[in-house]
Each structure stands twice: as C-alpha cells, then as structure tokens.
Amino acid sequence: MVKHNVLCDFDMKCCDLAGTLSEGDYTFPFQFKMYDEAPASIIFQKYSHRDHPIAIVRWELEATLKTTGGDAKYAQFLIV
C-alpha cells in the first residue's frame, strides 16, 4: 500500500514576464520554511530484499511555470 500525504500546498506568483523569453537558463529565487515537526527523509529496506523498500519518507518540491504557450513543470526531491 502506497500512501501519499501533502503537508504543504500553495501557489505563489514569482514574477511577471512580458514578451517572449530568449533561449537560456533562468532562475527564480524563493524560500520556504519546513514544519518543525516534519520527519527526516528515510528509505528503509529489508536486509533480505535489498532493492525492495518497506518504508519511505520522501520530500518533493514541484514547480510549474505557467505560460500562454503551455506549462513547464519541474520536480526535485529534497533530503531533509
């Protein structure tokens, strides 16, 4: 059984971009505070089945850049 809990879900407008973006790399700085009682990241595996995790606490950050031409999505796992 896989159980997913969402502890924090919010939308934030980081900037207004006018016109067409030129090709290249862009950064959008932001910060957030984790809950003080948030559990640490863990992947616990049975010794007899090395590749079969039996307990996982994983934190993931997802971002979406919304544009008129479509959305660009990105996800990153975090070690807490």
Foldseek 3Di string as FASTA:
>chain_A
DDDDDDPDDDDDDQDDDPDDDDDDDDDRDDDDDDDPPDDFFDFDPDPVDVPDTDDTDWDKDKDWDDDPVGIDIDMDIDGD
